[in-house]
């Protein structure tokens, strides 16, 4: 390993040990909590994909294979398998949910997150109707074209 690589590794470890050791130390009360995170994968054969992820000890926790979608978990890691529903893989945030799909008492509504991102200059590729309340979704893309879905399944907080 050359000296530049060693320095980068050392800096990275130092950063992780001070900044990431306790996630609660990094978040202040004004931070935008996005909700439960999962990766939604576009799959060619949902049965083969389910079998593969089960070998990695993922367990089915939701979905309907007859409708070509499943949700699998391994601990707090969630993977959605979707056959024929999305053109590409995407990241998903579910405002109002824990990784156990339990509704949070207090959370930022998907429409409030959408407004904040729009105010920050983020372009929306799909918008939630801000005249509604309850379940809603919107989409954005990062600079590399990766799609991020914000998908709220629960009633809006009061």
N, C-alpha and C. Protein backbone atom coordinates (compact mmCIF):
# COMPACT_ATOMS: atom_id res chain seq x y z
N UNK A 1 0.86 -1.18 0.00
CA UNK A 1 0.00 0.00 0.00
C UNK A 1 0.90 1.23 0.00
N UNK A 2 0.64 2.16 -0.90
CA UNK A 2 1.49 3.35 -0.95
C UNK A 2 1.09 4.34 0.15
N UNK A 3 1.90 5.36 0.34
CA UNK A 3 1.68 6.29 1.45
C UNK A 3 0.38 7.08 1.30
N UNK A 4 -0.02 7.40 0.06
CA UNK A 4 -1.26 8.12 -0.16
C UNK A 4 -2.45 7.25 0.23
N UNK A 5 -2.40 5.98 -0.13
CA UNK A 5 -3.48 5.06 0.24
C UNK A 5 -3.54 4.89 1.75
N UNK A 6 -2.37 4.79 2.39
CA UNK A 6 -2.32 4.64 3.84
C UNK A 6 -2.91 5.86 4.52
N UNK A 7 -2.56 7.06 4.03
CA UNK A 7 -3.09 8.29 4.59
C UNK A 7 -4.61 8.36 4.42
N UNK A 8 -5.10 8.02 3.24
CA UNK A 8 -6.55 8.05 2.98
C UNK A 8 -7.27 7.07 3.90
N UNK A 9 -6.71 5.87 4.08
CA UNK A 9 -7.31 4.88 4.96
C UNK A 9 -7.32 5.38 6.39
N UNK A 10 -6.22 5.95 6.85
CA UNK A 10 -6.14 6.46 8.21
C UNK A 10 -7.14 7.59 8.44
N UNK A 11 -7.24 8.50 7.47
CA UNK A 11 -8.21 9.60 7.58
C UNK A 11 -9.63 9.06 7.60
N UNK A 12 -9.90 8.09 6.76
CA UNK A 12 -11.23 7.50 6.72
C UNK A 12 -11.59 6.83 8.02
N UNK A 13 -10.67 6.08 8.61
CA UNK A 13 -10.92 5.42 9.89
C UNK A 13 -11.13 6.46 10.98
N UNK A 14 -10.30 7.50 10.98
CA UNK A 14 -10.45 8.56 11.99
C UNK A 14 -11.81 9.23 11.86
N UNK A 15 -12.23 9.51 10.61
CA UNK A 15 -13.52 10.13 10.39
C UNK A 15 -14.65 9.24 10.90
N UNK A 16 -14.58 7.95 10.54
CA UNK A 16 -15.62 7.03 10.95
C UNK A 16 -15.70 6.90 12.46
N UNK A 17 -14.54 6.85 13.12
CA UNK A 17 -14.56 6.65 14.56
C UNK A 17 -15.09 7.88 15.29
N UNK A 18 -14.93 9.08 14.72
CA UNK A 18 -15.42 10.28 15.40
C UNK A 18 -16.80 10.69 14.92
N UNK A 19 -17.11 10.48 13.65
CA UNK A 19 -18.36 10.99 13.10
C UNK A 19 -19.47 9.96 13.04
N UNK A 20 -19.13 8.70 12.93
CA UNK A 20 -20.16 7.70 12.68
C UNK A 20 -20.35 6.73 13.83
N UNK A 21 -19.57 6.85 14.87
CA UNK A 21 -19.67 5.89 15.97
C UNK A 21 -21.05 5.90 16.58
N UNK A 22 -21.65 7.05 16.71
CA UNK A 22 -22.97 7.16 17.29
C UNK A 22 -23.84 8.01 16.38
N UNK A 23 -24.70 7.37 15.57
CA UNK A 23 -25.51 8.13 14.63
C UNK A 23 -26.34 9.21 15.32
N UNK A 24 -26.79 8.97 16.55
CA UNK A 24 -27.60 9.97 17.22
C UNK A 24 -26.81 11.23 17.50
N UNK A 25 -25.49 11.14 17.59
CA UNK A 25 -24.67 12.31 17.81
C UNK A 25 -24.58 13.16 16.55
N UNK A 26 -24.80 12.57 15.38
CA UNK A 26 -24.69 13.29 14.12
C UNK A 26 -25.96 14.02 13.75
N UNK A 27 -27.09 13.62 14.32
CA UNK A 27 -28.36 14.18 13.90
C UNK A 27 -28.84 15.20 14.92
N UNK A 28 -29.24 16.34 14.44
CA UNK A 28 -29.84 17.30 15.34
C UNK A 28 -31.35 17.28 15.12
N UNK A 29 -32.06 17.99 15.96
CA UNK A 29 -33.52 17.93 15.89
C UNK A 29 -34.08 18.57 14.62
N UNK A 30 -33.27 19.38 13.92
CA UNK A 30 -33.74 20.02 12.69
C UNK A 30 -33.44 19.20 11.44
N UNK A 31 -32.76 18.07 11.58
CA UNK A 31 -32.42 17.29 10.39
C UNK A 31 -33.67 16.67 9.79
N UNK A 32 -33.64 16.49 8.51
CA UNK A 32 -34.77 15.93 7.79
C UNK A 32 -34.71 14.41 7.88
N UNK A 33 -35.57 13.82 8.69
CA UNK A 33 -35.64 12.37 8.81
C UNK A 33 -36.46 11.83 7.64
N UNK A 34 -35.87 10.92 6.87
CA UNK A 34 -36.49 10.46 5.63
C UNK A 34 -37.33 9.21 5.80
N UNK A 35 -37.19 8.51 6.90
CA UNK A 35 -37.97 7.31 7.13
C UNK A 35 -37.18 6.05 6.84
N UNK A 36 -37.86 4.93 6.89
CA UNK A 36 -37.24 3.63 6.66
C UNK A 36 -36.62 3.58 5.27
N UNK A 37 -35.43 2.99 5.17
CA UNK A 37 -34.72 2.89 3.90
C UNK A 37 -34.72 1.46 3.39
N UNK A 38 -34.91 1.30 2.10
CA UNK A 38 -34.78 -0.01 1.47
C UNK A 38 -34.28 0.18 0.04
N UNK A 39 -33.81 -0.91 -0.51
CA UNK A 39 -33.42 -0.93 -1.91
C UNK A 39 -34.48 -1.74 -2.65
N UNK A 40 -35.01 -1.17 -3.71
CA UNK A 40 -36.01 -1.83 -4.53
C UNK A 40 -35.33 -2.31 -5.81
N UNK A 41 -35.29 -3.62 -5.98
CA UNK A 41 -34.59 -4.21 -7.11
C UNK A 41 -35.55 -4.65 -8.20
N UNK A 42 -35.23 -4.29 -9.43
CA UNK A 42 -35.96 -4.79 -10.59
C UNK A 42 -35.37 -6.15 -10.92
N UNK A 43 -36.21 -7.18 -10.87
CA UNK A 43 -35.71 -8.54 -11.07
C UNK A 43 -36.35 -9.17 -12.29
N UNK A 44 -35.65 -10.11 -12.91
CA UNK A 44 -36.16 -10.80 -14.09
C UNK A 44 -37.05 -11.98 -13.71
N UNK A 45 -36.69 -12.68 -12.62
CA UNK A 45 -37.43 -13.85 -12.17
C UNK A 45 -37.57 -13.76 -10.66
N UNK A 46 -38.73 -13.36 -10.19
CA UNK A 46 -38.92 -13.10 -8.77
C UNK A 46 -38.71 -14.36 -7.92
N UNK A 47 -39.06 -15.52 -8.45
CA UNK A 47 -38.86 -16.77 -7.71
C UNK A 47 -37.37 -17.05 -7.53
N UNK A 48 -36.59 -16.90 -8.58
CA UNK A 48 -35.14 -17.12 -8.49
C UNK A 48 -34.50 -16.09 -7.56
N UNK A 49 -34.95 -14.84 -7.64
CA UNK A 49 -34.41 -13.80 -6.77
C UNK A 49 -34.75 -14.06 -5.31
N UNK A 50 -36.00 -14.45 -5.04
CA UNK A 50 -36.37 -14.78 -3.65
C UNK A 50 -35.50 -15.91 -3.13
N UNK A 51 -35.33 -16.96 -3.93
CA UNK A 51 -34.51 -18.10 -3.51
C UNK A 51 -33.08 -17.67 -3.22
N UNK A 52 -32.52 -16.79 -4.05
CA UNK A 52 -31.16 -16.30 -3.84
C UNK A 52 -31.04 -15.54 -2.52
N UNK A 53 -31.94 -14.57 -2.29
CA UNK A 53 -31.85 -13.76 -1.08
C UNK A 53 -32.16 -14.56 0.18
N UNK A 54 -32.97 -15.61 0.06
CA UNK A 54 -33.19 -16.49 1.21
C UNK A 54 -31.91 -17.22 1.60
N UNK A 55 -31.04 -17.50 0.62
CA UNK A 55 -29.73 -18.11 0.92
C UNK A 55 -28.83 -17.15 1.69
N UNK A 56 -29.14 -15.85 1.61
CA UNK A 56 -28.41 -14.84 2.39
C UNK A 56 -29.14 -14.54 3.71
N UNK A 57 -30.07 -15.41 4.09
CA UNK A 57 -30.87 -15.32 5.31
C UNK A 57 -31.85 -14.15 5.34
N UNK A 58 -32.25 -13.67 4.16
CA UNK A 58 -33.35 -12.72 4.11
C UNK A 58 -34.65 -13.52 4.25
N UNK A 59 -35.61 -12.93 4.95
CA UNK A 59 -36.90 -13.57 5.13
C UNK A 59 -38.01 -12.69 4.56
N UNK A 60 -39.01 -13.32 4.01
CA UNK A 60 -40.14 -12.61 3.42
C UNK A 60 -40.95 -11.96 4.54
N UNK A 61 -41.18 -10.64 4.43
CA UNK A 61 -41.94 -9.91 5.44
C UNK A 61 -43.13 -9.15 4.84
N UNK A 62 -43.26 -9.19 3.52
CA UNK A 62 -44.37 -8.49 2.89
C UNK A 62 -44.40 -8.75 1.41
N UNK A 63 -45.45 -8.23 0.80
CA UNK A 63 -45.58 -8.37 -0.64
C UNK A 63 -46.51 -9.50 -1.02
N UNK A 64 -46.56 -9.77 -2.32
CA UNK A 64 -47.42 -10.81 -2.86
C UNK A 64 -46.75 -11.34 -4.13
N UNK A 65 -46.20 -12.52 -4.04
CA UNK A 65 -45.46 -13.07 -5.18
C UNK A 65 -46.36 -13.26 -6.40
N UNK A 66 -47.67 -13.46 -6.18
CA UNK A 66 -48.58 -13.60 -7.33
C UNK A 66 -48.75 -12.27 -8.06
N UNK A 67 -48.41 -11.16 -7.39
CA UNK A 67 -48.44 -9.84 -8.03
C UNK A 67 -47.03 -9.38 -8.43
N UNK A 68 -46.07 -10.29 -8.33
CA UNK A 68 -44.68 -10.06 -8.74
C UNK A 68 -43.93 -9.03 -7.89
N UNK A 69 -44.20 -8.99 -6.57
CA UNK A 69 -43.41 -8.16 -5.68
C UNK A 69 -43.34 -8.78 -4.29
N UNK A 70 -42.17 -8.66 -3.68
CA UNK A 70 -41.92 -9.16 -2.33
C UNK A 70 -41.04 -8.18 -1.58
N UNK A 71 -41.16 -8.20 -0.26
CA UNK A 71 -40.27 -7.45 0.61
C UNK A 71 -39.57 -8.46 1.52
N UNK A 72 -38.25 -8.39 1.53
CA UNK A 72 -37.44 -9.30 2.32
C UNK A 72 -36.59 -8.51 3.30
N UNK A 73 -36.32 -9.13 4.47
CA UNK A 73 -35.47 -8.47 5.46
C UNK A 73 -34.46 -9.45 6.03
N UNK A 74 -33.31 -8.87 6.37
CA UNK A 74 -32.28 -9.55 7.15
C UNK A 74 -31.88 -8.52 8.20
N UNK A 75 -32.37 -8.69 9.43
CA UNK A 75 -32.14 -7.68 10.46
C UNK A 75 -32.84 -6.40 10.08
N UNK A 76 -32.10 -5.29 10.04
CA UNK A 76 -32.69 -4.00 9.67
C UNK A 76 -32.52 -3.69 8.19
N UNK A 77 -31.97 -4.63 7.43
CA UNK A 77 -31.75 -4.43 5.99
C UNK A 77 -32.97 -4.93 5.22
N UNK A 78 -33.53 -4.06 4.39
CA UNK A 78 -34.73 -4.38 3.64
C UNK A 78 -34.45 -4.31 2.14
N UNK A 79 -34.88 -5.34 1.43
CA UNK A 79 -34.76 -5.41 -0.02
C UNK A 79 -36.13 -5.72 -0.59
N UNK A 80 -36.59 -4.89 -1.53
CA UNK A 80 -37.82 -5.18 -2.24
C UNK A 80 -37.49 -5.79 -3.59
N UNK A 81 -38.20 -6.82 -3.97
CA UNK A 81 -38.02 -7.46 -5.27
C UNK A 81 -39.26 -7.16 -6.10
N UNK A 82 -39.05 -6.59 -7.29
CA UNK A 82 -40.16 -6.17 -8.14
C UNK A 82 -39.91 -6.64 -9.56
N UNK A 83 -40.78 -7.51 -10.05
CA UNK A 83 -40.67 -8.02 -11.41
C UNK A 83 -41.67 -7.29 -12.30
N UNK A 84 -41.14 -6.56 -13.30
CA UNK A 84 -41.99 -5.88 -14.27
C UNK A 84 -42.67 -4.62 -13.78
N UNK A 85 -42.20 -4.03 -12.70
CA UNK A 85 -42.86 -2.84 -12.15
C UNK A 85 -42.07 -1.56 -12.34
N UNK A 86 -40.75 -1.64 -12.30
CA UNK A 86 -39.88 -0.46 -12.41
C UNK A 86 -38.87 -0.70 -13.53
N UNK A 87 -38.45 0.35 -14.22
CA UNK A 87 -37.46 0.17 -15.29
C UNK A 87 -36.05 -0.10 -14.77
N UNK A 88 -35.78 0.28 -13.50
CA UNK A 88 -34.43 0.11 -12.95
C UNK A 88 -34.52 0.03 -11.43
N UNK A 89 -33.41 -0.37 -10.81
CA UNK A 89 -33.34 -0.41 -9.35
C UNK A 89 -33.53 1.00 -8.81
N UNK A 90 -34.06 1.09 -7.58
CA UNK A 90 -34.19 2.39 -6.96
C UNK A 90 -34.06 2.28 -5.45
N UNK A 91 -33.71 3.40 -4.84
CA UNK A 91 -33.66 3.50 -3.40
C UNK A 91 -35.01 4.02 -2.94
N UNK A 92 -35.49 3.52 -1.79
CA UNK A 92 -36.80 3.92 -1.30
C UNK A 92 -36.70 4.36 0.15
N UNK A 93 -37.35 5.47 0.46
CA UNK A 93 -37.52 5.93 1.83
C UNK A 93 -39.01 5.91 2.13
N UNK A 94 -39.38 5.40 3.30
CA UNK A 94 -40.77 5.36 3.72
C UNK A 94 -40.96 6.25 4.95
N UNK A 95 -41.32 7.53 4.74
CA UNK A 95 -41.59 8.40 5.89
C UNK A 95 -42.71 7.81 6.75
N UNK A 96 -42.52 7.88 8.06
CA UNK A 96 -43.55 7.40 8.98
C UNK A 96 -43.43 5.96 9.39
N UNK A 97 -42.44 5.23 8.85
CA UNK A 97 -42.27 3.82 9.18
C UNK A 97 -40.92 3.53 9.79
N UNK A 98 -40.91 2.57 10.70
CA UNK A 98 -39.65 1.98 11.16
C UNK A 98 -39.31 0.83 10.22
N UNK A 99 -38.15 0.22 10.40
CA UNK A 99 -37.79 -0.93 9.55
C UNK A 99 -38.71 -2.12 9.81
N UNK A 100 -39.47 -2.07 10.90
CA UNK A 100 -40.43 -3.15 11.20
C UNK A 100 -41.83 -2.82 10.68
N UNK A 101 -41.94 -1.76 9.85
CA UNK A 101 -43.20 -1.30 9.29
C UNK A 101 -44.18 -0.85 10.37
N UNK A 102 -43.63 -0.35 11.48
CA UNK A 102 -44.47 0.22 12.53
C UNK A 102 -44.56 1.72 12.28
N UNK A 103 -45.76 2.26 12.49
CA UNK A 103 -45.98 3.68 12.26
C UNK A 103 -45.38 4.51 13.39
N UNK A 104 -44.62 5.52 13.01
CA UNK A 104 -44.05 6.45 13.98
C UNK A 104 -45.10 7.45 14.41
N UNK A 105 -45.07 7.85 15.66
CA UNK A 105 -46.01 8.85 16.15
C UNK A 105 -45.72 10.22 15.56
N UNK A 106 -44.44 10.56 15.48
CA UNK A 106 -44.03 11.86 14.94
C UNK A 106 -43.08 11.62 13.77
N UNK A 107 -43.36 12.23 12.64
CA UNK A 107 -42.47 12.15 11.48
C UNK A 107 -42.83 13.28 10.53
N UNK A 108 -41.93 13.54 9.60
CA UNK A 108 -42.16 14.58 8.60
C UNK A 108 -42.93 13.96 7.44
N UNK A 109 -44.07 14.54 7.12
CA UNK A 109 -44.91 14.06 6.03
C UNK A 109 -44.16 14.14 4.71
N UNK A 110 -44.45 13.22 3.81
CA UNK A 110 -43.79 13.15 2.51
C UNK A 110 -43.92 14.46 1.73
N UNK A 111 -45.05 15.15 1.88
CA UNK A 111 -45.24 16.42 1.17
C UNK A 111 -44.33 17.52 1.73
N UNK A 112 -44.07 17.48 3.04
CA UNK A 112 -43.15 18.44 3.65
C UNK A 112 -41.72 18.17 3.19
N UNK A 113 -41.35 16.92 3.08
CA UNK A 113 -40.02 16.57 2.56
C UNK A 113 -39.89 17.06 1.12
N UNK A 114 -40.94 16.83 0.33
CA UNK A 114 -40.95 17.28 -1.07
C UNK A 114 -40.76 18.79 -1.16
N UNK A 115 -41.49 19.55 -0.33
CA UNK A 115 -41.36 21.02 -0.35
C UNK A 115 -39.94 21.45 0.01
N UNK A 116 -39.36 20.82 1.02
CA UNK A 116 -38.00 21.16 1.44
C UNK A 116 -37.01 20.90 0.32
N UNK A 117 -37.13 19.76 -0.33
CA UNK A 117 -36.20 19.43 -1.41
C UNK A 117 -36.38 20.38 -2.59
N UNK A 118 -37.62 20.71 -2.91
CA UNK A 118 -37.87 21.67 -4.00
C UNK A 118 -37.24 23.02 -3.66
N UNK A 119 -37.40 23.48 -2.40
CA UNK A 119 -36.80 24.75 -1.96
C UNK A 119 -35.28 24.71 -2.06
N UNK A 120 -34.69 23.53 -1.91
CA UNK A 120 -33.24 23.36 -1.99
C UNK A 120 -32.76 23.17 -3.43
N UNK A 121 -33.67 23.27 -4.40
CA UNK A 121 -33.29 23.20 -5.80
C UNK A 121 -33.25 21.80 -6.38
N UNK A 122 -33.82 20.82 -5.68
CA UNK A 122 -33.84 19.46 -6.19
C UNK A 122 -35.03 19.32 -7.15
N UNK A 123 -34.78 18.81 -8.34
CA UNK A 123 -35.84 18.58 -9.33
C UNK A 123 -36.60 17.32 -8.99
N UNK A 124 -37.91 17.38 -9.15
CA UNK A 124 -38.77 16.23 -8.88
C UNK A 124 -39.18 15.60 -10.21
N UNK A 125 -39.07 14.28 -10.30
CA UNK A 125 -39.50 13.60 -11.52
C UNK A 125 -40.93 13.09 -11.40
N UNK A 126 -41.42 12.96 -10.17
CA UNK A 126 -42.81 12.60 -9.89
C UNK A 126 -43.17 13.34 -8.60
N UNK A 127 -44.30 14.03 -8.59
CA UNK A 127 -44.66 14.84 -7.43
C UNK A 127 -45.87 14.28 -6.70
N UNK A 128 -45.86 14.41 -5.37
CA UNK A 128 -47.02 14.11 -4.56
C UNK A 128 -47.97 15.29 -4.62
N UNK A 129 -49.25 15.03 -4.61
CA UNK A 129 -50.26 16.08 -4.62
C UNK A 129 -50.30 16.72 -3.24
N UNK A 130 -49.88 17.98 -3.15
CA UNK A 130 -49.77 18.64 -1.86
C UNK A 130 -51.12 19.07 -1.30
N UNK A 131 -52.20 18.91 -2.05
CA UNK A 131 -53.53 19.24 -1.53
C UNK A 131 -54.14 18.04 -0.78
N UNK A 132 -53.42 16.92 -0.75
CA UNK A 132 -53.93 15.72 -0.09
C UNK A 132 -53.20 15.50 1.23
N UNK A 133 -53.66 14.51 1.96
CA UNK A 133 -52.96 14.06 3.17
C UNK A 133 -52.97 12.54 3.14
N UNK A 134 -52.15 11.94 4.00
CA UNK A 134 -52.09 10.49 4.03
C UNK A 134 -51.07 9.95 3.05
N UNK A 135 -51.24 8.70 2.63
CA UNK A 135 -50.28 8.07 1.74
C UNK A 135 -50.05 8.88 0.46
N UNK A 136 -48.79 8.98 0.06
CA UNK A 136 -48.41 9.70 -1.16
C UNK A 136 -46.96 9.36 -1.48
N UNK A 137 -46.55 9.68 -2.71
CA UNK A 137 -45.19 9.38 -3.16
C UNK A 137 -44.66 10.49 -4.04
N UNK A 138 -43.33 10.62 -4.07
CA UNK A 138 -42.66 11.45 -5.06
C UNK A 138 -41.31 10.84 -5.36
N UNK A 139 -40.71 11.24 -6.49
CA UNK A 139 -39.43 10.68 -6.92
C UNK A 139 -38.47 11.80 -7.30
N UNK A 140 -37.19 11.53 -7.05
CA UNK A 140 -36.10 12.39 -7.49
C UNK A 140 -35.01 11.49 -8.06
N UNK A 141 -34.03 12.08 -8.70
CA UNK A 141 -32.86 11.34 -9.18
C UNK A 141 -31.61 12.06 -8.70
N UNK A 142 -30.60 11.27 -8.33
CA UNK A 142 -29.33 11.88 -7.93
C UNK A 142 -28.55 12.26 -9.19
N UNK A 143 -27.40 12.93 -9.05
CA UNK A 143 -26.65 13.39 -10.23
C UNK A 143 -26.22 12.27 -11.18
N UNK A 144 -26.18 11.03 -10.69
CA UNK A 144 -25.79 9.91 -11.54
C UNK A 144 -26.98 9.18 -12.15
N UNK A 145 -28.17 9.71 -11.94
CA UNK A 145 -29.37 9.11 -12.53
C UNK A 145 -30.01 8.03 -11.68
N UNK A 146 -29.52 7.82 -10.46
CA UNK A 146 -30.14 6.84 -9.57
C UNK A 146 -31.46 7.41 -9.05
N UNK A 147 -32.51 6.61 -9.15
CA UNK A 147 -33.83 7.06 -8.74
C UNK A 147 -34.04 6.82 -7.25
N UNK A 148 -34.64 7.83 -6.59
CA UNK A 148 -34.96 7.74 -5.17
C UNK A 148 -36.45 7.98 -5.03
N UNK A 149 -37.14 7.00 -4.45
CA UNK A 149 -38.58 7.06 -4.24
C UNK A 149 -38.86 7.37 -2.77
N UNK A 150 -39.69 8.36 -2.52
CA UNK A 150 -40.19 8.65 -1.18
C UNK A 150 -41.63 8.19 -1.18
N UNK A 151 -41.94 7.15 -0.41
CA UNK A 151 -43.22 6.46 -0.51
C UNK A 151 -43.82 6.30 0.88
N UNK A 152 -44.74 7.19 1.21
CA UNK A 152 -45.39 7.18 2.53
C UNK A 152 -46.65 6.33 2.45
N UNK A 153 -46.73 5.31 3.31
CA UNK A 153 -47.86 4.39 3.31
C UNK A 153 -48.87 4.67 4.42
N UNK A 154 -48.57 5.59 5.31
CA UNK A 154 -49.39 5.78 6.50
C UNK A 154 -50.01 7.17 6.51
N UNK A 155 -50.97 7.36 7.41
CA UNK A 155 -51.63 8.66 7.55
C UNK A 155 -50.62 9.73 7.90
N UNK A 156 -50.91 10.95 7.50
CA UNK A 156 -50.04 12.08 7.82
C UNK A 156 -50.04 12.31 9.32
N UNK A 157 -48.89 12.74 9.87
CA UNK A 157 -48.86 13.03 11.30
C UNK A 157 -49.67 14.29 11.58
N UNK A 158 -50.11 14.42 12.81
CA UNK A 158 -50.91 15.60 13.15
C UNK A 158 -50.06 16.77 13.52
